Amino acid sequence: MLRATISTKNSIDISKCKQMIAFLKRQSEGYRLKKSKIFIKDEIGRFLKQADDKQFLLTTVALITGIAGACRKEEL
């Protein structure tokens, strides 16, 4: 991803820079992707039934709109 970003933003092809590629590989050792937490159907239903409207009204509306309209988080 870094290679593609450098290529598109600066028009530099780093595939010829062997030392830089080796450095980037060493830096990325041990990196683990973070998985997003996903709500299951039961958790969503429990939240909609039990959530206090005074405190979570906006969140409830956003949740219903997101599910009904299949919105992405950026669109909300």
C-alpha atoms as a PDB file:
ATOM      1  CA  MET A   1       0.000   0.000   0.000  1.00  0.00           C
ATOM      2  CA  LEU A   2       2.853   2.359   0.771  1.00  0.00           C
ATOM      3  CA  ARG A   3       4.436   1.589  -2.583  1.00  0.00           C
ATOM      4  CA  ALA A   4       1.209   2.446  -4.405  1.00  0.00           C
ATOM      5  CA  THR A   5       0.780   5.666  -2.429  1.00  0.00           C
ATOM      6  CA  ILE A   6       4.302   6.847  -3.189  1.00  0.00           C
ATOM      7  CA  SER A   7       3.870   5.901  -6.824  1.00  0.00           C
ATOM      8  CA  THR A   8       0.619   7.808  -7.314  1.00  0.00           C
ATOM      9  CA  LYS A   9       1.372  10.901  -5.211  1.00  0.00           C
ATOM     10  CA  ASN A  10       5.005  11.476  -6.166  1.00  0.00           C
ATOM     11  CA  SER A  11       5.377   9.481  -9.401  1.00  0.00           C
ATOM     12  CA  ILE A  12       8.325   7.573  -7.937  1.00  0.00           C
ATOM     13  CA  ASP A  13       8.909   3.897  -8.660  1.00  0.00           C
ATOM     14  CA  ILE A  14      10.474   2.455  -5.508  1.00  0.00           C
ATOM     15  CA  SER A  15      10.704  -1.079  -6.902  1.00  0.00           C
ATOM     16  CA  LYS A  16      14.229  -0.215  -8.065  1.00  0.00           C
ATOM     17  CA  CYS A  17      15.320   0.854  -4.557  1.00  0.00           C
ATOM     18  CA  LYS A  18      16.348  -2.457  -3.012  1.00  0.00           C
ATOM     19  CA  GLN A  19      17.501  -0.941   0.280  1.00  0.00           C
ATOM     20  CA  MET A  20      14.204   0.853   0.809  1.00  0.00           C
ATOM     21  CA  ILE A  21      12.185  -2.292   0.123  1.00  0.00           C
ATOM     22  CA  ALA A  22      14.335  -4.247   2.587  1.00  0.00           C
ATOM     23  CA  PHE A  23      13.900  -1.498   5.178  1.00  0.00           C
ATOM     24  CA  LEU A  24      10.118  -1.460   4.764  1.00  0.00           C
ATOM     25  CA  LYS A  25       9.960  -5.247   5.094  1.00  0.00           C
ATOM     26  CA  ARG A  26      11.965  -5.106   8.328  1.00  0.00           C
ATOM     27  CA  GLN A  27       9.694  -2.390   9.703  1.00  0.00           C
ATOM     28  CA  SER A  28       6.537  -4.349   8.952  1.00  0.00           C
ATOM     29  CA  GLU A  29       7.617  -7.518  10.801  1.00  0.00           C
ATOM     30  CA  GLY A  30       5.145  -8.505  13.470  1.00  0.00           C
ATOM     31  CA  TYR A  31       2.414  -6.156  12.217  1.00  0.00           C
ATOM     32  CA  ARG A  32      -1.071  -7.562  12.722  1.00  0.00           C
ATOM     33  CA  LEU A  33      -4.206  -6.192  11.124  1.00  0.00           C
ATOM     34  CA  LYS A  34      -6.914  -5.016  13.462  1.00  0.00           C
ATOM     35  CA  LYS A  35     -10.234  -6.681  12.849  1.00  0.00           C
ATOM     36  CA  SER A  36     -13.329  -4.550  13.109  1.00  0.00           C
ATOM     37  CA  LYS A  37     -15.894  -5.599  15.652  1.00  0.00           C
ATOM     38  CA  ILE A  38     -19.164  -6.591  14.042  1.00  0.00           C
ATOM     39  CA  PHE A  39     -22.531  -6.582  15.740  1.00  0.00           C
ATOM     40  CA  ILE A  40     -24.628  -9.679  15.353  1.00  0.00           C
ATOM     41  CA  LYS A  41     -28.372  -9.561  14.813  1.00  0.00           C
ATOM     42  CA  ASP A  42     -29.173 -10.392  18.444  1.00  0.00           C
ATOM     43  CA  GLU A  43     -26.966  -7.591  19.788  1.00  0.00           C
ATOM     44  CA  ILE A  44     -28.620  -5.034  17.510  1.00  0.00           C
ATOM     45  CA  GLY A  45     -32.087  -6.160  18.543  1.00  0.00           C
ATOM     46  CA  ARG A  46     -31.158  -6.065  22.229  1.00  0.00           C
ATOM     47  CA  PHE A  47     -29.747  -2.543  21.838  1.00  0.00           C
ATOM     48  CA  LEU A  48     -32.861  -1.272  20.052  1.00  0.00           C
ATOM     49  CA  LYS A  49     -35.125  -2.702  22.767  1.00  0.00           C
ATOM     50  CA  GLN A  50     -33.114  -1.813  25.878  1.00  0.00           C
ATOM     51  CA  ALA A  51     -31.379   1.462  24.995  1.00  0.00           C
ATOM     52  CA  ASP A  52     -32.577   4.545  26.857  1.00  0.00           C
ATOM     53  CA  ASP A  53     -34.091   6.985  24.342  1.00  0.00           C
ATOM     54  CA  LYS A  54     -32.934  10.035  26.272  1.00  0.00           C
ATOM     55  CA  GLN A  55     -29.302   8.990  26.057  1.00  0.00           C
ATOM     56  CA  PHE A  56     -29.087   6.927  22.837  1.00  0.00           C
ATOM     57  CA  LEU A  57     -31.748   8.419  20.555  1.00  0.00           C
ATOM     58  CA  LEU A  58     -29.281   9.703  17.941  1.00  0.00           C
ATOM     59  CA  THR A  59     -27.374   6.399  17.945  1.00  0.00           C
ATOM     60  CA  THR A  60     -30.621   4.451  17.579  1.00  0.00           C
ATOM     61  CA  VAL A  61     -31.754   6.598  14.651  1.00  0.00           C
ATOM     62  CA  ALA A  62     -28.348   6.263  12.958  1.00  0.00           C
ATOM     63  CA  LEU A  63     -28.428   2.489  13.465  1.00  0.00           C
ATOM     64  CA  ILE A  64     -31.896   2.129  11.972  1.00  0.00           C
ATOM     65  CA  THR A  65     -31.012   4.427   9.054  1.00  0.00           C
ATOM     66  CA  GLY A  66     -27.776   2.549   8.412  1.00  0.00           C
ATOM     67  CA  ILE A  67     -29.465  -0.847   8.422  1.00  0.00           C
ATOM     68  CA  ALA A  68     -32.503   0.211   6.402  1.00  0.00           C
ATOM     69  CA  GLY A  69     -30.495   2.189   3.868  1.00  0.00           C
ATOM     70  CA  ALA A  70     -27.366  -0.003   3.943  1.00  0.00           C
ATOM     71  CA  CYS A  71     -25.266   3.112   4.545  1.00  0.00           C
ATOM     72  CA  ARG A  72     -21.537   3.069   5.038  1.00  0.00           C
ATOM     73  CA  LYS A  73     -20.126   4.729   8.138  1.00  0.00           C
ATOM     74  CA  GLU A  74     -18.735   7.576   6.000  1.00  0.00           C
ATOM     75  CA  GLU A  75     -22.195   8.246   4.602  1.00  0.00           C
ATOM     76  CA  LEU A  76     -23.758   8.558   8.047  1.00  0.00           C
END
